[in-house]
Amino acid sequence: MKIFVKLALILTIIPNSVWAMGSKGLHESSEKVVKAVREGKIDDLMAAYSKDAVMYAGDVAKPLKGEEIRKYFTNVFANVELNSKIINPYHEIRGNMVVTWGDYITTIKNKKDNSITTAKGRFTDVAVKENGKWKIIVDHTSPQPEDPKPAN
């Protein structure tokens, strides 16, 4: 089963460095997402998404919304364990919106055969405050492309 896991979520959604810049509640939101993904807790993870969120997963052709996001992560959590590291994250806060982007590497352990693979990619996440809580409205990941071959 090919799963290009879209776990820019692990530490990207609302990272600690953004929290340090003074936006109340970002650190707590980030910690909840990290815990939900590592423990495979779908309800806790879905609580981080706005009901109108759109997710562009690196292994799915069409954008996912609402229940489709839940089904995607339910499938992921049923089949693999994840551990991600964010590389060169950038953050921009504008009022009640935060945008985070960068690269990541995710170690994926298959629950059936214990095989381990690695996925590298890039991400962009956008979150807004809804009723005083940070909620993801756009979650986008893509596989890291190969470097172009040198011209002959």
C-alpha atoms as a PDB file:
ATOM      1  CA  MET A   1       0.000   0.000   0.000  1.00  0.00           C
ATOM      2  CA  LYS A   2       1.545   3.242  -1.124  1.00  0.00           C
ATOM      3  CA  ILE A   3       1.121   5.962   1.423  1.00  0.00           C
ATOM      4  CA  PHE A   4       2.954   9.220   0.802  1.00  0.00           C
ATOM      5  CA  VAL A   5       2.018  10.515   4.207  1.00  0.00           C
ATOM      6  CA  LYS A   6       1.134  14.130   4.359  1.00  0.00           C
ATOM      7  CA  LEU A   7       2.565  14.672   7.796  1.00  0.00           C
ATOM      8  CA  ALA A   8       3.710  18.094   7.490  1.00  0.00           C
ATOM      9  CA  LEU A   9       1.233  18.128  10.319  1.00  0.00           C
ATOM     10  CA  ILE A  10       3.607  16.652  12.854  1.00  0.00           C
ATOM     11  CA  LEU A  11       5.293  19.891  13.792  1.00  0.00           C
ATOM     12  CA  THR A  12       4.159  22.273  11.122  1.00  0.00           C
ATOM     13  CA  ILE A  13       0.650  23.277  11.767  1.00  0.00           C
ATOM     14  CA  ILE A  14       1.375  25.865  14.317  1.00  0.00           C
ATOM     15  CA  PRO A  15       4.946  25.464  15.467  1.00  0.00           C
ATOM     16  CA  ASN A  16       6.491  26.512  18.732  1.00  0.00           C
ATOM     17  CA  SER A  17       8.482  29.267  17.053  1.00  0.00           C
ATOM     18  CA  VAL A  18       5.235  30.881  15.940  1.00  0.00           C
ATOM     19  CA  TRP A  19       3.879  30.624  19.466  1.00  0.00           C
ATOM     20  CA  ALA A  20       7.021  32.340  20.714  1.00  0.00           C
ATOM     21  CA  MET A  21       6.143  35.292  18.481  1.00  0.00           C
ATOM     22  CA  GLY A  22       3.162  35.980  20.702  1.00  0.00           C
ATOM     23  CA  SER A  23       0.059  34.367  19.208  1.00  0.00           C
ATOM     24  CA  LYS A  24      -1.951  32.930  22.061  1.00  0.00           C
ATOM     25  CA  GLY A  25      -2.987  29.290  21.747  1.00  0.00           C
ATOM     26  CA  LEU A  26      -0.698  28.279  18.884  1.00  0.00           C
ATOM     27  CA  HIS A  27       1.648  26.219  21.030  1.00  0.00           C
ATOM     28  CA  GLU A  28      -1.208  24.293  22.626  1.00  0.00           C
ATOM     29  CA  SER A  29      -2.767  23.602  19.216  1.00  0.00           C
ATOM     30  CA  SER A  30       0.547  22.345  17.880  1.00  0.00           C
ATOM     31  CA  GLU A  31       1.121  20.027  20.827  1.00  0.00           C
ATOM     32  CA  LYS A  32      -2.349  18.490  20.440  1.00  0.00           C
ATOM     33  CA  VAL A  33      -1.756  17.768  16.754  1.00  0.00           C
ATOM     34  CA  VAL A  34       1.665  16.235  17.396  1.00  0.00           C
ATOM     35  CA  LYS A  35       0.220  13.934  20.050  1.00  0.00           C
ATOM     36  CA  ALA A  36      -2.804  12.958  17.928  1.00  0.00           C
ATOM     37  CA  VAL A  37      -0.657  11.964  14.949  1.00  0.00           C
ATOM     38  CA  ARG A  38       1.920  10.024  16.957  1.00  0.00           C
ATOM     39  CA  GLU A  39      -0.823   8.166  18.847  1.00  0.00           C
ATOM     40  CA  GLY A  40      -3.068   7.701  15.801  1.00  0.00           C
ATOM     41  CA  LYS A  41      -6.037   9.458  17.440  1.00  0.00           C
ATOM     42  CA  ILE A  42      -8.268  10.498  14.584  1.00  0.00           C
ATOM     43  CA  ASP A  43     -10.828  12.482  16.618  1.00  0.00           C
ATOM     44  CA  ASP A  44      -8.120  14.558  18.258  1.00  0.00           C
ATOM     45  CA  LEU A  45      -6.491  15.216  14.891  1.00  0.00           C
ATOM     46  CA  MET A  46      -9.774  16.164  13.222  1.00  0.00           C
ATOM     47  CA  ALA A  47     -10.419  18.670  16.018  1.00  0.00           C
ATOM     48  CA  ALA A  48      -7.504  20.663  14.561  1.00  0.00           C
ATOM     49  CA  TYR A  49      -9.261  21.078  11.204  1.00  0.00           C
ATOM     50  CA  SER A  50     -11.933  23.623  10.342  1.00  0.00           C
ATOM     51  CA  LYS A  51     -15.164  22.023   9.142  1.00  0.00           C
ATOM     52  CA  ASP A  52     -14.496  23.778   5.814  1.00  0.00           C
ATOM     53  CA  ALA A  53     -10.857  22.634   5.540  1.00  0.00           C
ATOM     54  CA  VAL A  54      -9.308  21.465   2.302  1.00  0.00           C
ATOM     55  CA  MET A  55      -6.420  18.994   2.261  1.00  0.00           C
ATOM     56  CA  TYR A  56      -4.164  18.324  -0.701  1.00  0.00           C
ATOM     57  CA  ALA A  57      -2.400  15.064   0.169  1.00  0.00           C
ATOM     58  CA  GLY A  58       0.701  14.137  -1.793  1.00  0.00           C
ATOM     59  CA  ASP A  59      -0.708  10.761  -2.831  1.00  0.00           C
ATOM     60  CA  VAL A  60      -4.288  11.727  -3.725  1.00  0.00           C
ATOM     61  CA  ALA A  61      -5.225  13.417  -7.007  1.00  0.00           C
ATOM     62  CA  LYS A  62      -8.196  15.425  -5.770  1.00  0.00           C
ATOM     63  CA  PRO A  63      -8.515  17.780  -2.811  1.00  0.00           C
ATOM     64  CA  LEU A  64     -10.096  16.239   0.274  1.00  0.00           C
ATOM     65  CA  LYS A  65     -12.741  17.916   2.429  1.00  0.00           C
ATOM     66  CA  GLY A  66     -14.563  17.131   5.668  1.00  0.00           C
ATOM     67  CA  GLU A  67     -15.288  13.425   6.010  1.00  0.00           C
ATOM     68  CA  GLU A  68     -12.801  12.643   3.222  1.00  0.00           C
ATOM     69  CA  ILE A  69      -9.984  14.013   5.415  1.00  0.00           C
ATOM     70  CA  ARG A  70     -11.145  11.818   8.287  1.00  0.00           C
ATOM     71  CA  LYS A  71     -11.267   8.725   6.031  1.00  0.00           C
ATOM     72  CA  TYR A  72      -7.796   9.484   4.683  1.00  0.00           C
ATOM     73  CA  PHE A  73      -6.227   9.671   8.139  1.00  0.00           C
ATOM     74  CA  THR A  74      -8.235   6.699   9.430  1.00  0.00           C
ATOM     75  CA  ASN A  75      -6.694   4.643   6.624  1.00  0.00           C
ATOM     76  CA  VAL A  76      -3.205   6.007   7.311  1.00  0.00           C
ATOM     77  CA  PHE A  77      -3.407   5.310  11.062  1.00  0.00           C
ATOM     78  CA  ALA A  78      -4.760   1.785  10.441  1.00  0.00           C
ATOM     79  CA  ASN A  79      -1.766   0.870   8.305  1.00  0.00           C
ATOM     80  CA  VAL A  80       1.310   2.774   9.466  1.00  0.00           C
ATOM     81  CA  GLU A  81       3.079   4.474  12.362  1.00  0.00           C
ATOM     82  CA  LEU A  82       4.630   7.861  11.645  1.00  0.00           C
ATOM     83  CA  ASN A  83       7.548   9.932  12.814  1.00  0.00           C
ATOM     84  CA  SER A  84       8.315  13.230  11.078  1.00  0.00           C
ATOM     85  CA  LYS A  85      10.922  15.936  11.188  1.00  0.00           C
ATOM     86  CA  ILE A  86      10.414  19.417   9.787  1.00  0.00           C
ATOM     87  CA  ILE A  87      13.277  20.980   7.854  1.00  0.00           C
ATOM     88  CA  ASN A  88      13.620  24.735   7.355  1.00  0.00           C
ATOM     89  CA  PRO A  89      10.123  25.789   8.436  1.00  0.00           C
ATOM     90  CA  TYR A  90       8.949  29.332   7.752  1.00  0.00           C
ATOM     91  CA  HIS A  91       6.010  31.074   9.411  1.00  0.00           C
ATOM     92  CA  GLU A  92       3.980  34.187   8.742  1.00  0.00           C
ATOM     93  CA  ILE A  93       1.234  35.506  10.993  1.00  0.00           C
ATOM     94  CA  ARG A  94      -1.254  38.032   9.658  1.00  0.00           C
ATOM     95  CA  GLY A  95      -3.936  38.906  12.181  1.00  0.00           C
ATOM     96  CA  ASN A  96      -5.966  35.759  12.835  1.00  0.00           C
ATOM     97  CA  MET A  97      -4.172  33.732  10.156  1.00  0.00           C
ATOM     98  CA  VAL A  98      -0.889  31.822  10.234  1.00  0.00           C
ATOM     99  CA  VAL A  99       0.844  30.321   7.199  1.00  0.00           C
ATOM    100  CA  THR A 100       3.577  27.719   7.695  1.00  0.00           C
ATOM    101  CA  TRP A 101       5.692  26.153   4.957  1.00  0.00           C
ATOM    102  CA  GLY A 102       8.883  24.188   4.473  1.00  0.00           C
ATOM    103  CA  ASP A 103      10.221  20.686   3.902  1.00  0.00           C
ATOM    104  CA  TYR A 104       9.831  17.493   5.888  1.00  0.00           C
ATOM    105  CA  ILE A 105      11.031  13.925   6.131  1.00  0.00           C
ATOM    106  CA  THR A 106       8.703  11.236   7.495  1.00  0.00           C
ATOM    107  CA  THR A 107       9.637   7.731   8.598  1.00  0.00           C
ATOM    108  CA  ILE A 108       6.758   5.364   7.891  1.00  0.00           C
ATOM    109  CA  LYS A 109       6.553   1.991   9.645  1.00  0.00           C
ATOM    110  CA  ASN A 110       4.163  -0.482   8.030  1.00  0.00           C
ATOM    111  CA  LYS A 111       2.100  -2.205  10.731  1.00  0.00           C
ATOM    112  CA  LYS A 112       1.706  -5.437   8.709  1.00  0.00           C
ATOM    113  CA  ASP A 113       5.330  -6.278   7.981  1.00  0.00           C
ATOM    114  CA  ASN A 114       7.253  -3.720  10.083  1.00  0.00           C
ATOM    115  CA  SER A 115       9.005  -2.434   6.958  1.00  0.00           C
ATOM    116  CA  ILE A 116      10.221   1.131   7.165  1.00  0.00           C
ATOM    117  CA  THR A 117      10.221   3.663   4.355  1.00  0.00           C
ATOM    118  CA  THR A 118      11.011   7.341   4.213  1.00  0.00           C
ATOM    119  CA  ALA A 119       9.029  10.089   2.494  1.00  0.00           C
ATOM    120  CA  LYS A 120      10.472  13.511   1.769  1.00  0.00           C
ATOM    121  CA  GLY A 121       8.301  16.401   0.767  1.00  0.00           C
ATOM    122  CA  ARG A 122       7.231  20.001   1.074  1.00  0.00           C
ATOM    123  CA  PHE A 123       4.236  21.497   2.774  1.00  0.00           C
ATOM    124  CA  THR A 124       2.129  24.587   3.200  1.00  0.00           C
ATOM    125  CA  ASP A 125      -0.472  24.899   5.959  1.00  0.00           C
ATOM    126  CA  VAL A 126      -2.863  27.754   6.654  1.00  0.00           C
ATOM    127  CA  ALA A 127      -4.739  28.076   9.946  1.00  0.00           C
ATOM    128  CA  VAL A 128      -7.211  30.676  11.201  1.00  0.00           C
ATOM    129  CA  LYS A 129      -8.794  31.390  14.542  1.00  0.00           C
ATOM    130  CA  GLU A 130     -12.339  30.056  14.854  1.00  0.00           C
ATOM    131  CA  ASN A 131     -14.131  30.712  18.128  1.00  0.00           C
ATOM    132  CA  GLY A 132     -10.801  31.408  19.817  1.00  0.00           C
ATOM    133  CA  LYS A 133      -9.096  28.200  18.585  1.00  0.00           C
ATOM    134  CA  TRP A 134      -6.624  27.737  15.747  1.00  0.00           C
ATOM    135  CA  LYS A 135      -8.087  25.554  12.972  1.00  0.00           C
ATOM    136  CA  ILE A 136      -6.456  24.341   9.775  1.00  0.00           C
ATOM    137  CA  ILE A 137      -8.217  25.595   6.652  1.00  0.00           C
ATOM    138  CA  VAL A 138      -5.689  24.525   3.991  1.00  0.00           C
ATOM    139  CA  ASP A 139      -3.268  21.628   4.336  1.00  0.00           C
ATOM    140  CA  HIS A 140      -1.057  20.912   1.322  1.00  0.00           C
ATOM    141  CA  THR A 141       1.839  18.493   0.848  1.00  0.00           C
ATOM    142  CA  SER A 142       3.724  17.198  -2.140  1.00  0.00           C
ATOM    143  CA  PRO A 143       6.566  14.735  -2.681  1.00  0.00           C
ATOM    144  CA  GLN A 144      10.032  16.219  -2.950  1.00  0.00           C
ATOM    145  CA  PRO A 145      10.850  16.307  -6.669  1.00  0.00           C
ATOM    146  CA  GLU A 146      14.122  14.993  -8.017  1.00  0.00           C
ATOM    147  CA  ASP A 147      16.764  17.581  -8.809  1.00  0.00           C
ATOM    148  CA  PRO A 148      16.936  18.284 -12.540  1.00  0.00           C
ATOM    149  CA  LYS A 149      19.598  16.416 -14.470  1.00  0.00           C
ATOM    150  CA  PRO A 150      22.486  18.584 -15.642  1.00  0.00           C
ATOM    151  CA  ALA A 151      22.410  19.631 -19.276  1.00  0.00           C
ATOM    152  CA  ASN A 152      24.772  17.686 -21.527  1.00  0.00           C
END
